[in-house]
Amino acid sequence: MTTRRLFALTILTAGLLTAAKPPLNDGEISTKVQLKLAEDTSVKGGGLKVDVKDGVVTLTGKLETPKQKSKAESLARKVSGVKSVVNNIVVSHAP
């Protein structure tokens, strides 16, 4: 095989391996956001509701501190496919 053909084959193979993944659908985005929230030790997101419409994530529920609210939004923004986040979380201090 000539050097030129080998080079072309290498470039083609590299292009196929690094091709963009198809965008995530709303259900997949919702699942990934929920997992990120649940895995975070400060947010403990089990009580939060996550809705996704066309890549826009809406967070609702209650957390104890503004820092937790901000962290939940930040975690949601990091998920691939999220276009924006509407943070409707209410800060409600625990008794």
PDB file of N, CA and C in Angstrom:
ATOM      1  N   MET A   1       0.854  -1.168   0.000  1.00  0.00           N
ATOM      2  CA  MET A   1       0.000   0.000   0.000  1.00  0.00           C
ATOM      3  C   MET A   1       0.901   1.233   0.000  1.00  0.00           C
ATOM      4  N   THR A   2       0.564   2.175  -0.816  1.00  0.00           N
ATOM      5  CA  THR A   2       1.394   3.367  -0.895  1.00  0.00           C
ATOM      6  C   THR A   2       1.203   4.229   0.342  1.00  0.00           C
ATOM      7  N   THR A   3       2.172   5.085   0.575  1.00  0.00           N
ATOM      8  CA  THR A   3       2.124   5.986   1.725  1.00  0.00           C
ATOM      9  C   THR A   3       0.913   6.897   1.650  1.00  0.00           C
ATOM     10  N   ARG A   4       0.606   7.353   0.465  1.00  0.00           N
ATOM     11  CA  ARG A   4      -0.539   8.270   0.286  1.00  0.00           C
ATOM     12  C   ARG A   4      -1.855   7.571   0.652  1.00  0.00           C
ATOM     13  N   ARG A   5      -2.034   6.333   0.224  1.00  0.00           N
ATOM     14  CA  ARG A   5      -3.257   5.587   0.538  1.00  0.00           C
ATOM     15  C   ARG A   5      -3.322   5.262   2.035  1.00  0.00           C
ATOM     16  N   LEU A   6      -2.208   4.911   2.607  1.00  0.00           N
ATOM     17  CA  LEU A   6      -2.167   4.611   4.033  1.00  0.00           C
ATOM     18  C   LEU A   6      -2.530   5.851   4.842  1.00  0.00           C
ATOM     19  N   PHE A   7      -2.021   7.001   4.427  1.00  0.00           N
ATOM     20  CA  PHE A   7      -2.333   8.256   5.104  1.00  0.00           C
ATOM     21  C   PHE A   7      -3.833   8.556   4.992  1.00  0.00           C
ATOM     22  N   ALA A   8      -4.405   8.391   3.801  1.00  0.00           N
ATOM     23  CA  ALA A   8      -5.829   8.651   3.587  1.00  0.00           C
ATOM     24  C   ALA A   8      -6.683   7.705   4.422  1.00  0.00           C
ATOM     25  N   LEU A   9      -6.294   6.451   4.495  1.00  0.00           N
ATOM     26  CA  LEU A   9      -7.016   5.471   5.290  1.00  0.00           C
ATOM     27  C   LEU A   9      -6.954   5.822   6.775  1.00  0.00           C
ATOM     28  N   THR A  10      -5.817   6.271   7.235  1.00  0.00           N
ATOM     29  CA  THR A  10      -5.647   6.678   8.635  1.00  0.00           C
ATOM     30  C   THR A  10      -6.546   7.864   8.969  1.00  0.00           C
ATOM     31  N   ILE A  11      -6.582   8.858   8.090  1.00  0.00           N
ATOM     32  CA  ILE A  11      -7.421  10.040   8.298  1.00  0.00           C
ATOM     33  C   ILE A  11      -8.899   9.645   8.310  1.00  0.00           C
ATOM     34  N   LEU A  12      -9.301   8.789   7.383  1.00  0.00           N
ATOM     35  CA  LEU A  12     -10.684   8.342   7.313  1.00  0.00           C
ATOM     36  C   LEU A  12     -11.083   7.598   8.587  1.00  0.00           C
ATOM     37  N   THR A  13     -10.238   6.708   9.037  1.00  0.00           N
ATOM     38  CA  THR A  13     -10.510   5.938  10.250  1.00  0.00           C
ATOM     39  C   THR A  13     -10.614   6.858  11.458  1.00  0.00           C
ATOM     40  N   ALA A  14      -9.711   7.809  11.574  1.00  0.00           N
ATOM     41  CA  ALA A  14      -9.742   8.756  12.695  1.00  0.00           C
ATOM     42  C   ALA A  14     -11.026   9.577  12.657  1.00  0.00           C
ATOM     43  N   GLY A  15     -11.463   9.972  11.485  1.00  0.00           N
ATOM     44  CA  GLY A  15     -12.697  10.737  11.344  1.00  0.00           C
ATOM     45  C   GLY A  15     -13.910   9.944  11.780  1.00  0.00           C
ATOM     46  N   LEU A  16     -13.940   8.667  11.454  1.00  0.00           N
ATOM     47  CA  LEU A  16     -15.061   7.825  11.858  1.00  0.00           C
ATOM     48  C   LEU A  16     -15.085   7.602  13.358  1.00  0.00           C
ATOM     49  N   LEU A  17     -13.932   7.481  13.962  1.00  0.00           N
ATOM     50  CA  LEU A  17     -13.859   7.244  15.403  1.00  0.00           C
ATOM     51  C   LEU A  17     -14.232   8.473  16.214  1.00  0.00           C
ATOM     52  N   THR A  18     -13.990   9.660  15.669  1.00  0.00           N
ATOM     53  CA  THR A  18     -14.268  10.884  16.411  1.00  0.00           C
ATOM     54  C   THR A  18     -15.533  11.587  15.926  1.00  0.00           C
ATOM     55  N   ALA A  19     -16.342  10.903  15.122  1.00  0.00           N
ATOM     56  CA  ALA A  19     -17.581  11.511  14.616  1.00  0.00           C
ATOM     57  C   ALA A  19     -18.475  11.884  15.787  1.00  0.00           C
ATOM     58  N   ALA A  20     -19.184  12.982  15.632  1.00  0.00           N
ATOM     59  CA  ALA A  20     -20.060  13.466  16.696  1.00  0.00           C
ATOM     60  C   ALA A  20     -21.155  12.449  16.986  1.00  0.00           C
ATOM     61  N   LYS A  21     -21.442  12.305  18.269  1.00  0.00           N
ATOM     62  CA  LYS A  21     -22.531  11.426  18.675  1.00  0.00           C
ATOM     63  C   LYS A  21     -23.847  12.138  18.385  1.00  0.00           C
ATOM     64  N   PRO A  22     -24.890  11.371  18.116  1.00  0.00           N
ATOM     65  CA  PRO A  22     -26.181  12.020  17.900  1.00  0.00           C
ATOM     66  C   PRO A  22     -26.627  12.721  19.185  1.00  0.00           C
ATOM     67  N   PRO A  23     -27.354  13.825  19.059  1.00  0.00           N
ATOM     68  CA  PRO A  23     -27.779  14.548  20.263  1.00  0.00           C
ATOM     69  C   PRO A  23     -28.694  13.692  21.123  1.00  0.00           C
ATOM     70  N   LEU A  24     -28.648  13.933  22.417  1.00  0.00           N
ATOM     71  CA  LEU A  24     -29.496  13.196  23.344  1.00  0.00           C
ATOM     72  C   LEU A  24     -30.937  13.701  23.229  1.00  0.00           C
ATOM     73  N   ASN A  25     -31.882  12.793  23.430  1.00  0.00           N
ATOM     74  CA  ASN A  25     -33.275  13.227  23.442  1.00  0.00           C
ATOM     75  C   ASN A  25     -33.627  13.703  24.858  1.00  0.00           C
ATOM     76  N   ASP A  26     -34.807  14.301  25.018  1.00  0.00           N
ATOM     77  CA  ASP A  26     -35.198  14.871  26.302  1.00  0.00           C
ATOM     78  C   ASP A  26     -35.210  13.840  27.430  1.00  0.00           C
ATOM     79  N   GLY A  27     -35.648  12.628  27.138  1.00  0.00           N
ATOM     80  CA  GLY A  27     -35.675  11.574  28.155  1.00  0.00           C
ATOM     81  C   GLY A  27     -34.279  11.220  28.641  1.00  0.00           C
ATOM     82  N   GLU A  28     -33.336  11.136  27.711  1.00  0.00           N
ATOM     83  CA  GLU A  28     -31.952  10.827  28.087  1.00  0.00           C
ATOM     84  C   GLU A  28     -31.341  11.968  28.890  1.00  0.00           C
ATOM     85  N   ILE A  29     -31.629  13.196  28.490  1.00  0.00           N
ATOM     86  CA  ILE A  29     -31.122  14.353  29.231  1.00  0.00           C
ATOM     87  C   ILE A  29     -31.685  14.335  30.645  1.00  0.00           C
ATOM     88  N   SER A  30     -32.979  14.090  30.781  1.00  0.00           N
ATOM     89  CA  SER A  30     -33.618  14.048  32.099  1.00  0.00           C
ATOM     90  C   SER A  30     -32.963  12.998  32.996  1.00  0.00           C
ATOM     91  N   THR A  31     -32.736  11.821  32.451  1.00  0.00           N
ATOM     92  CA  THR A  31     -32.103  10.746  33.221  1.00  0.00           C
ATOM     93  C   THR A  31     -30.708  11.143  33.678  1.00  0.00           C
ATOM     94  N   LYS A  32     -29.924  11.738  32.783  1.00  0.00           N
ATOM     95  CA  LYS A  32     -28.556  12.135  33.134  1.00  0.00           C
ATOM     96  C   LYS A  32     -28.543  13.239  34.202  1.00  0.00           C
ATOM     97  N   VAL A  33     -29.466  14.199  34.084  1.00  0.00           N
ATOM     98  CA  VAL A  33     -29.542  15.265  35.090  1.00  0.00           C
ATOM     99  C   VAL A  33     -29.939  14.676  36.439  1.00  0.00           C
ATOM    100  N   GLN A  34     -30.932  13.806  36.458  1.00  0.00           N
ATOM    101  CA  GLN A  34     -31.368  13.185  37.705  1.00  0.00           C
ATOM    102  C   GLN A  34     -30.234  12.409  38.369  1.00  0.00           C
ATOM    103  N   LEU A  35     -29.456  11.693  37.568  1.00  0.00           N
ATOM    104  CA  LEU A  35     -28.321  10.941  38.118  1.00  0.00           C
ATOM    105  C   LEU A  35     -27.278  11.874  38.715  1.00  0.00           C
ATOM    106  N   LYS A  36     -26.959  12.955  38.009  1.00  0.00           N
ATOM    107  CA  LYS A  36     -25.975  13.912  38.525  1.00  0.00           C
ATOM    108  C   LYS A  36     -26.439  14.513  39.844  1.00  0.00           C
ATOM    109  N   LEU A  37     -27.714  14.866  39.916  1.00  0.00           N
ATOM    110  CA  LEU A  37     -28.246  15.455  41.143  1.00  0.00           C
ATOM    111  C   LEU A  37     -28.233  14.447  42.291  1.00  0.00           C
ATOM    112  N   ALA A  38     -28.623  13.211  42.014  1.00  0.00           N
ATOM    113  CA  ALA A  38     -28.679  12.178  43.042  1.00  0.00           C
ATOM    114  C   ALA A  38     -27.292  11.787  43.548  1.00  0.00           C
ATOM    115  N   GLU A  39     -26.290  11.848  42.674  1.00  0.00           N
ATOM    116  CA  GLU A  39     -24.932  11.451  43.056  1.00  0.00           C
ATOM    117  C   GLU A  39     -24.199  12.532  43.835  1.00  0.00           C
ATOM    118  N   ASP A  40     -24.677  13.766  43.760  1.00  0.00           N
ATOM    119  CA  ASP A  40     -23.983  14.863  44.433  1.00  0.00           C
ATOM    120  C   ASP A  40     -24.312  14.860  45.923  1.00  0.00           C
ATOM    121  N   THR A  41     -23.289  14.856  46.754  1.00  0.00           N
ATOM    122  CA  THR A  41     -23.497  14.753  48.196  1.00  0.00           C
ATOM    123  C   THR A  41     -24.059  16.021  48.824  1.00  0.00           C
ATOM    124  N   SER A  42     -23.855  17.166  48.201  1.00  0.00           N
ATOM    125  CA  SER A  42     -24.398  18.394  48.784  1.00  0.00           C
ATOM    126  C   SER A  42     -25.840  18.639  48.345  1.00  0.00           C
ATOM    127  N   VAL A  43     -26.191  18.261  47.130  1.00  0.00           N
ATOM    128  CA  VAL A  43     -27.547  18.500  46.616  1.00  0.00           C
ATOM    129  C   VAL A  43     -28.501  17.401  47.052  1.00  0.00           C
ATOM    130  N   LYS A  44     -28.029  16.156  47.026  1.00  0.00           N
ATOM    131  CA  LYS A  44     -28.873  15.011  47.384  1.00  0.00           C
ATOM    132  C   LYS A  44     -30.214  15.113  46.662  1.00  0.00           C
ATOM    133  N   GLY A  45     -30.175  15.116  45.337  1.00  0.00           N
ATOM    134  CA  GLY A  45     -31.300  15.486  44.498  1.00  0.00           C
ATOM    135  C   GLY A  45     -32.476  14.560  44.388  1.00  0.00           C
ATOM    136  N   GLY A  46     -32.637  13.609  45.267  1.00  0.00           N
ATOM    137  CA  GLY A  46     -33.758  12.687  45.167  1.00  0.00           C
ATOM    138  C   GLY A  46     -35.121  13.346  45.215  1.00  0.00           C
ATOM    139  N   GLY A  47     -35.250  14.496  45.897  1.00  0.00           N
ATOM    140  CA  GLY A  47     -36.540  15.146  46.031  1.00  0.00           C
ATOM    141  C   GLY A  47     -36.814  16.194  44.969  1.00  0.00           C
ATOM    142  N   LEU A  48     -35.918  16.370  44.032  1.00  0.00           N
ATOM    143  CA  LEU A  48     -36.096  17.375  43.000  1.00  0.00           C
ATOM    144  C   LEU A  48     -36.770  16.758  41.774  1.00  0.00           C
ATOM    145  N   LYS A  49     -37.577  17.567  41.107  1.00  0.00           N
ATOM    146  CA  LYS A  49     -38.237  17.129  39.884  1.00  0.00           C
ATOM    147  C   LYS A  49     -37.497  17.746  38.704  1.00  0.00           C
ATOM    148  N   VAL A  50     -37.269  16.949  37.680  1.00  0.00           N
ATOM    149  CA  VAL A  50     -36.569  17.394  36.482  1.00  0.00           C
ATOM    150  C   VAL A  50     -37.493  17.209  35.281  1.00  0.00           C
ATOM    151  N   ASP A  51     -37.803  18.302  34.603  1.00  0.00           N
ATOM    152  CA  ASP A  51     -38.567  18.249  33.360  1.00  0.00           C
ATOM    153  C   ASP A  51     -37.685  18.781  32.243  1.00  0.00           C
ATOM    154  N   VAL A  52     -37.787  18.167  31.066  1.00  0.00           N
ATOM    155  CA  VAL A  52     -36.988  18.602  29.926  1.00  0.00           C
ATOM    156  C   VAL A  52     -37.888  18.727  28.710  1.00  0.00           C
ATOM    157  N   LYS A  53     -37.784  19.863  28.043  1.00  0.00           N
ATOM    158  CA  LYS A  53     -38.527  20.098  26.805  1.00  0.00           C
ATOM    159  C   LYS A  53     -37.593  20.764  25.815  1.00  0.00           C
ATOM    160  N   ASP A  54     -37.286  20.070  24.734  1.00  0.00           N
ATOM    161  CA  ASP A  54     -36.396  20.592  23.690  1.00  0.00           C
ATOM    162  C   ASP A  54     -35.046  21.029  24.248  1.00  0.00           C
ATOM    163  N   GLY A  55     -34.518  20.267  25.204  1.00  0.00           N
ATOM    164  CA  GLY A  55     -33.209  20.552  25.778  1.00  0.00           C
ATOM    165  C   GLY A  55     -33.207  21.587  26.888  1.00  0.00           C
ATOM    166  N   VAL A  56     -34.380  22.163  27.195  1.00  0.00           N
ATOM    167  CA  VAL A  56     -34.486  23.134  28.287  1.00  0.00           C
ATOM    168  C   VAL A  56     -34.901  22.378  29.542  1.00  0.00           C
ATOM    169  N   VAL A  57     -34.042  22.406  30.556  1.00  0.00           N
ATOM    170  CA  VAL A  57     -34.268  21.684  31.804  1.00  0.00           C
ATOM    171  C   VAL A  57     -34.946  22.617  32.808  1.00  0.00           C
ATOM    172  N   THR A  58     -36.040  22.141  33.404  1.00  0.00           N
ATOM    173  CA  THR A  58     -36.700  22.877  34.482  1.00  0.00           C
ATOM    174  C   THR A  58     -36.571  22.072  35.758  1.00  0.00           C
ATOM    175  N   LEU A  59     -35.983  22.698  36.774  1.00  0.00           N
ATOM    176  CA  LEU A  59     -35.794  22.067  38.079  1.00  0.00           C
ATOM    177  C   LEU A  59     -36.825  22.624  39.051  1.00  0.00           C
ATOM    178  N   THR A  60     -37.516  21.744  39.766  1.00  0.00           N
ATOM    179  CA  THR A  60     -38.458  22.173  40.799  1.00  0.00           C
ATOM    180  C   THR A  60     -38.267  21.306  42.037  1.00  0.00           C
ATOM    181  N   GLY A  61     -38.688  21.841  43.169  1.00  0.00           N
ATOM    182  CA  GLY A  61     -38.566  21.120  44.424  1.00  0.00           C
ATOM    183  C   GLY A  61     -38.033  22.043  45.494  1.00  0.00           C
ATOM    184  N   LYS A  62     -37.621  21.462  46.621  1.00  0.00           N
ATOM    185  CA  LYS A  62     -37.123  22.243  47.747  1.00  0.00           C
ATOM    186  C   LYS A  62     -35.726  21.782  48.140  1.00  0.00           C
ATOM    187  N   LEU A  63     -34.885  22.740  48.472  1.00  0.00           N
ATOM    188  CA  LEU A  63     -33.571  22.475  49.043  1.00  0.00           C
ATOM    189  C   LEU A  63     -33.395  23.399  50.243  1.00  0.00           C
ATOM    190  N   GLU A  64     -32.397  23.118  51.066  1.00  0.00           N
ATOM    191  CA  GLU A  64     -32.235  23.843  52.320  1.00  0.00           C
ATOM    192  C   GLU A  64     -31.425  25.122  52.210  1.00  0.00           C
ATOM    193  N   THR A  65     -30.557  25.237  51.203  1.00  0.00           N
ATOM    194  CA  THR A  65     -29.691  26.416  51.129  1.00  0.00           C
ATOM    195  C   THR A  65     -29.601  26.959  49.705  1.00  0.00           C
ATOM    196  N   PRO A  66     -29.316  28.257  49.584  1.00  0.00           N
ATOM    197  CA  PRO A  66     -29.085  28.826  48.249  1.00  0.00           C
ATOM    198  C   PRO A  66     -27.905  28.165  47.534  1.00  0.00           C
ATOM    199  N   LYS A  67     -26.914  27.745  48.307  1.00  0.00           N
ATOM    200  CA  LYS A  67     -25.748  27.079  47.715  1.00  0.00           C
ATOM    201  C   LYS A  67     -26.161  25.765  47.041  1.00  0.00           C
ATOM    202  N   GLN A  68     -27.054  25.014  47.668  1.00  0.00           N
ATOM    203  CA  GLN A  68     -27.548  23.775  47.069  1.00  0.00           C
ATOM    204  C   GLN A  68     -28.330  24.071  45.787  1.00  0.00           C
ATOM    205  N   LYS A  69     -29.140  25.116  45.813  1.00  0.00           N
ATOM    206  CA  LYS A  69     -29.929  25.505  44.641  1.00  0.00           C
ATOM    207  C   LYS A  69     -29.010  25.839  43.472  1.00  0.00           C
ATOM    208  N   SER A  70     -27.977  26.629  43.743  1.00  0.00           N
ATOM    209  CA  SER A  70     -27.015  27.010  42.717  1.00  0.00           C
ATOM    210  C   SER A  70     -26.259  25.796  42.180  1.00  0.00           C
ATOM    211  N   LYS A  71     -25.884  24.908  43.093  1.00  0.00           N
ATOM    212  CA  LYS A  71     -25.140  23.698  42.699  1.00  0.00           C
ATOM    213  C   LYS A  71     -26.006  22.799  41.807  1.00  0.00           C
ATOM    214  N   ALA A  72     -27.284  22.667  42.127  1.00  0.00           N
ATOM    215  CA  ALA A  72     -28.187  21.843  41.314  1.00  0.00           C
ATOM    216  C   ALA A  72     -28.262  22.386  39.891  1.00  0.00           C
ATOM    217  N   GLU A  73     -28.363  23.695  39.774  1.00  0.00           N
ATOM    218  CA  GLU A  73     -28.414  24.310  38.443  1.00  0.00           C
ATOM    219  C   GLU A  73     -27.111  24.078  37.691  1.00  0.00           C
ATOM    220  N   SER A  74     -26.006  24.243  38.386  1.00  0.00           N
ATOM    221  CA  SER A  74     -24.695  24.041  37.765  1.00  0.00           C
ATOM    222  C   SER A  74     -24.526  22.607  37.265  1.00  0.00           C
ATOM    223  N   LEU A  75     -24.953  21.649  38.076  1.00  0.00           N
ATOM    224  CA  LEU A  75     -24.855  20.242  37.677  1.00  0.00           C
ATOM    225  C   LEU A  75     -25.706  19.967  36.433  1.00  0.00           C
ATOM    226  N   ALA A  76     -26.903  20.531  36.398  1.00  0.00           N
ATOM    227  CA  ALA A  76     -27.784  20.318  35.251  1.00  0.00           C
ATOM    228  C   ALA A  76     -27.172  20.912  33.984  1.00  0.00           C
ATOM    229  N   ARG A  77     -26.568  22.082  34.097  1.00  0.00           N
ATOM    230  CA  ARG A  77     -25.971  22.752  32.929  1.00  0.00           C
ATOM    231  C   ARG A  77     -24.830  21.942  32.313  1.00  0.00           C
ATOM    232  N   LYS A  78     -24.168  21.130  33.123  1.00  0.00           N
ATOM    233  CA  LYS A  78     -23.009  20.362  32.651  1.00  0.00           C
ATOM    234  C   LYS A  78     -23.392  19.135  31.821  1.00  0.00           C
ATOM    235  N   VAL A  79     -24.657  18.766  31.817  1.00  0.00           N
ATOM    236  CA  VAL A  79     -25.093  17.577  31.081  1.00  0.00           C
ATOM    237  C   VAL A  79     -25.143  17.894  29.586  1.00  0.00           C
ATOM    238  N   SER A  80     -24.583  17.007  28.810  1.00  0.00           N
ATOM    239  CA  SER A  80     -24.573  17.161  27.357  1.00  0.00           C
ATOM    240  C   SER A  80     -25.996  17.250  26.829  1.00  0.00           C
ATOM    241  N   GLY A  81     -26.231  18.208  25.937  1.00  0.00           N
ATOM    242  CA  GLY A  81     -27.541  18.361  25.330  1.00  0.00           C
ATOM    243  C   GLY A  81     -28.423  19.401  26.001  1.00  0.00           C
ATOM    244  N   VAL A  82     -28.025  19.855  27.199  1.00  0.00           N
ATOM    245  CA  VAL A  82     -28.811  20.874  27.903  1.00  0.00           C
ATOM    246  C   VAL A  82     -28.553  22.225  27.253  1.00  0.00           C
ATOM    247  N   LYS A  83     -29.634  22.877  26.816  1.00  0.00           N
ATOM    248  CA  LYS A  83     -29.525  24.192  26.189  1.00  0.00           C
ATOM    249  C   LYS A  83     -29.611  25.307  27.220  1.00  0.00           C
ATOM    250  N   SER A  84     -30.494  25.144  28.199  1.00  0.00           N
ATOM    251  CA  SER A  84     -30.615  26.114  29.284  1.00  0.00           C
ATOM    252  C   SER A  84     -31.309  25.449  30.462  1.00  0.00           C
ATOM    253  N   VAL A  85     -31.251  26.143  31.614  1.00  0.00           N
ATOM    254  CA  VAL A  85     -31.846  25.614  32.837  1.00  0.00           C
ATOM    255  C   VAL A  85     -32.756  26.676  33.446  1.00  0.00           C
ATOM    256  N   VAL A  86     -33.987  26.280  33.744  1.00  0.00           N
ATOM    257  CA  VAL A  86     -34.923  27.124  34.484  1.00  0.00           C
ATOM    258  C   VAL A  86     -34.928  26.573  35.906  1.00  0.00           C
ATOM    259  N   ASN A  87     -34.434  27.379  36.849  1.00  0.00           N
ATOM    260  CA  ASN A  87     -34.279  26.908  38.223  1.00  0.00           C
ATOM    261  C   ASN A  87     -35.427  27.428  39.078  1.00  0.00           C
ATOM    262  N   ASN A  88     -36.441  26.588  39.277  1.00  0.00           N
ATOM    263  CA  ASN A  88     -37.594  26.931  40.107  1.00  0.00           C
ATOM    264  C   ASN A  88     -37.513  26.287  41.487  1.00  0.00           C
ATOM    265  N   ILE A  89     -36.310  25.915  41.910  1.00  0.00           N
ATOM    266  CA  ILE A  89     -36.122  25.309  43.231  1.00  0.00           C
ATOM    267  C   ILE A  89     -36.380  26.374  44.288  1.00  0.00           C
ATOM    268  N   VAL A  90     -37.109  25.974  45.342  1.00  0.00           N
ATOM    269  CA  VAL A  90     -37.410  26.860  46.454  1.00  0.00           C
ATOM    270  C   VAL A  90     -36.459  26.516  47.601  1.00  0.00           C
ATOM    271  N   VAL A  91     -35.865  27.565  48.203  1.00  0.00           N
ATOM    272  CA  VAL A  91     -35.012  27.352  49.367  1.00  0.00           C
ATOM    273  C   VAL A  91     -35.902  27.417  50.594  1.00  0.00           C
ATOM    274  N   SER A  92     -35.944  26.293  51.295  1.00  0.00           N
ATOM    275  CA  SER A  92     -36.784  26.176  52.475  1.00  0.00           C
ATOM    276  C   SER A  92     -35.948  25.578  53.595  1.00  0.00           C
ATOM    277  N   HIS A  93     -35.557  26.405  54.539  1.00  0.00           N
ATOM    278  CA  HIS A  93     -34.696  25.944  55.637  1.00  0.00           C
ATOM    279  C   HIS A  93     -35.403  24.885  56.460  1.00  0.00           C
ATOM    280  N   ALA A  94     -34.694  23.826  56.741  1.00  0.00           N
ATOM    281  CA  ALA A  94     -35.252  22.722  57.538  1.00  0.00           C
ATOM    282  C   ALA A  94     -35.400  23.174  58.988  1.00  0.00           C
ATOM    283  N   PRO A  95     -36.448  22.703  59.653  1.00  0.00           N
ATOM    284  CA  PRO A  95     -36.639  23.085  61.070  1.00  0.00           C
ATOM    285  C   PRO A  95     -35.594  22.498  61.969  1.00  0.00           C
TER     286      PRO A  95
END
